[in-house]
Amino acid sequence: MSTNDLYAVPDGQTLVVLATGVEIVRRRKHEPINMDGLDQQQLVSRTAKKSGSKFLPGTRLEQIVSYTEAILTENNAVLNTSGIYTKTFADHVGVASGVRVRTITVLFDGRYAHAFPVAP
């Protein structure tokens, strides 16, 4: 699927189906936002739990899909077996509650999965 096709997928719908049958879904609340000009209080508000942590600006949907697939594969995720998987990277990947973070969590309900940055 091309990048443009990924961005045409509505929130909560399937971006890709992996060979295992696991579906990676789009969660817009975790997609990058423009952080230019935000003061610390605004950044905290826009990346807190209610608004959702955000991947860093410039992170593309195909990168989010790649992160998600890699984490699912590393944890041997299979259909009908839910799990919560976490991986910490060397570089920052997102912002959670106003703080740059290096960790991504994948929520997997046994069929559908999505990823988001978290504080370790």
Protein backbone atom coordinates (compact mmCIF):
# COMPACT_ATOMS: atom_id res chain seq x y z
CA MET A 1 0.00 0.00 0.00
CA SER A 2 1.38 3.41 -0.87
CA THR A 3 1.82 6.20 1.65
CA ASN A 4 -1.13 8.11 0.19
CA ASP A 5 -3.30 5.02 0.53
CA LEU A 6 -2.37 4.71 4.21
CA TYR A 7 -3.43 8.30 4.87
CA ALA A 8 -6.79 7.61 3.20
CA VAL A 9 -7.62 4.98 5.84
CA PRO A 10 -10.06 6.35 8.45
CA ASP A 11 -9.22 6.33 12.15
CA GLY A 12 -9.77 2.92 13.73
CA GLN A 13 -9.67 1.08 10.41
CA THR A 14 -7.08 -1.41 9.19
CA LEU A 15 -3.88 -0.03 7.68
CA VAL A 16 -2.35 -3.43 6.88
CA VAL A 17 -3.02 -7.11 7.47
CA LEU A 18 0.11 -9.05 8.34
CA ALA A 19 0.83 -12.56 7.05
CA THR A 20 -0.24 -13.83 10.49
CA GLY A 21 -3.69 -12.29 10.03
CA VAL A 22 -3.03 -9.62 12.65
CA GLU A 23 -4.42 -6.23 11.59
CA ILE A 24 -2.60 -2.98 12.34
CA VAL A 25 -5.14 -0.18 12.76
CA ARG A 26 -4.82 3.57 12.46
CA ARG A 27 -5.08 5.61 15.65
CA ARG A 28 -4.94 9.27 14.68
CA LYS A 29 -4.70 10.41 18.30
CA HIS A 30 -1.09 9.15 18.35
CA GLU A 31 -0.02 10.58 14.99
CA PRO A 32 2.46 13.47 14.96
CA ILE A 33 1.27 17.04 15.48
CA ASN A 34 2.98 20.34 14.79
CA MET A 35 4.66 21.22 18.07
CA ASP A 36 6.17 24.50 16.88
CA GLY A 37 5.13 27.38 19.10
CA LEU A 38 3.63 25.23 21.85
CA ASP A 39 4.67 26.16 25.35
CA GLN A 40 5.34 23.37 27.85
CA GLN A 41 1.82 23.46 29.31
CA GLN A 42 0.25 23.17 25.84
CA LEU A 43 2.63 20.35 24.91
CA VAL A 44 1.75 18.47 28.09
CA SER A 45 -1.97 18.94 27.41
CA ARG A 46 -1.76 17.78 23.79
CA THR A 47 0.35 14.71 24.60
CA ALA A 48 -1.26 13.64 27.89
CA LYS A 49 -3.25 10.44 28.28
CA LYS A 50 -6.60 11.99 27.29
CA SER A 51 -5.26 13.52 24.05
CA GLY A 52 -2.83 10.67 23.45
CA SER A 53 0.91 10.56 23.27
CA LYS A 54 2.30 11.48 19.85
CA PHE A 55 4.99 10.16 17.58
CA LEU A 56 7.60 12.79 16.76
CA PRO A 57 6.88 15.25 13.94
CA GLY A 58 8.05 13.77 10.66
CA THR A 59 7.12 10.21 11.61
CA ARG A 60 5.16 8.74 8.70
CA LEU A 61 2.37 6.18 8.93
CA GLU A 62 4.52 3.57 7.20
CA GLN A 63 7.11 4.03 9.97
CA ILE A 64 4.43 3.54 12.62
CA VAL A 65 3.28 0.38 10.80
CA SER A 66 6.90 -0.81 10.64
CA TYR A 67 7.45 -0.21 14.37
CA THR A 68 4.21 -2.04 15.15
CA GLU A 69 4.96 -5.01 12.92
CA ALA A 70 8.50 -5.36 14.29
CA ILE A 71 7.32 -5.31 17.91
CA LEU A 72 4.56 -7.85 17.20
CA THR A 73 7.05 -10.11 15.39
CA GLU A 74 9.65 -9.86 18.17
CA ASN A 75 6.99 -10.95 20.66
CA ASN A 76 5.62 -13.77 18.48
CA ALA A 77 2.12 -12.26 18.54
CA VAL A 78 -0.51 -14.58 17.07
CA LEU A 79 -4.21 -14.30 16.39
CA ASN A 80 -6.55 -14.80 19.33
CA THR A 81 -3.85 -14.21 21.95
CA SER A 82 -3.90 -10.65 23.26
CA GLY A 83 -0.87 -8.87 24.64
CA ILE A 84 0.78 -5.60 25.51
CA TYR A 85 4.30 -5.32 24.13
CA THR A 86 6.89 -2.64 24.82
CA LYS A 87 10.19 -1.81 23.17
CA THR A 88 12.71 0.91 23.99
CA PHE A 89 14.77 2.45 21.20
CA ALA A 90 18.11 4.27 21.25
CA ASP A 91 16.57 7.47 19.84
CA HIS A 92 13.48 9.43 20.82
CA VAL A 93 10.34 8.24 19.05
CA GLY A 94 7.62 10.43 20.52
CA VAL A 95 6.28 12.72 23.21
CA ALA A 96 4.17 11.59 26.18
CA SER A 97 2.85 14.10 28.73
CA GLY A 98 5.20 16.74 27.33
CA VAL A 99 8.36 14.62 27.61
CA ARG A 100 10.36 13.10 24.74
CA VAL A 101 10.35 9.31 25.05
CA ARG A 102 12.18 6.35 23.50
CA THR A 103 9.62 3.64 24.25
CA ILE A 104 6.72 2.34 22.16
CA THR A 105 3.88 0.16 23.45
CA VAL A 106 1.75 -2.00 21.17
CA LEU A 107 -1.73 -2.89 22.36
CA PHE A 108 -2.93 -6.12 20.75
CA ASP A 109 -6.40 -7.51 21.43
CA GLY A 110 -5.83 -10.80 19.61
CA ARG A 111 -6.71 -9.42 16.19
CA TYR A 112 -6.15 -5.66 16.05
CA ALA A 113 -2.99 -3.81 17.11
CA HIS A 114 -1.86 -0.22 17.39
CA ALA A 115 1.27 1.46 18.72
CA PHE A 116 1.97 4.60 20.69
CA PRO A 117 4.89 6.26 22.50
CA VAL A 118 5.06 5.91 26.29
CA ALA A 119 7.27 6.93 29.16
CA PRO A 120 9.25 3.87 30.31
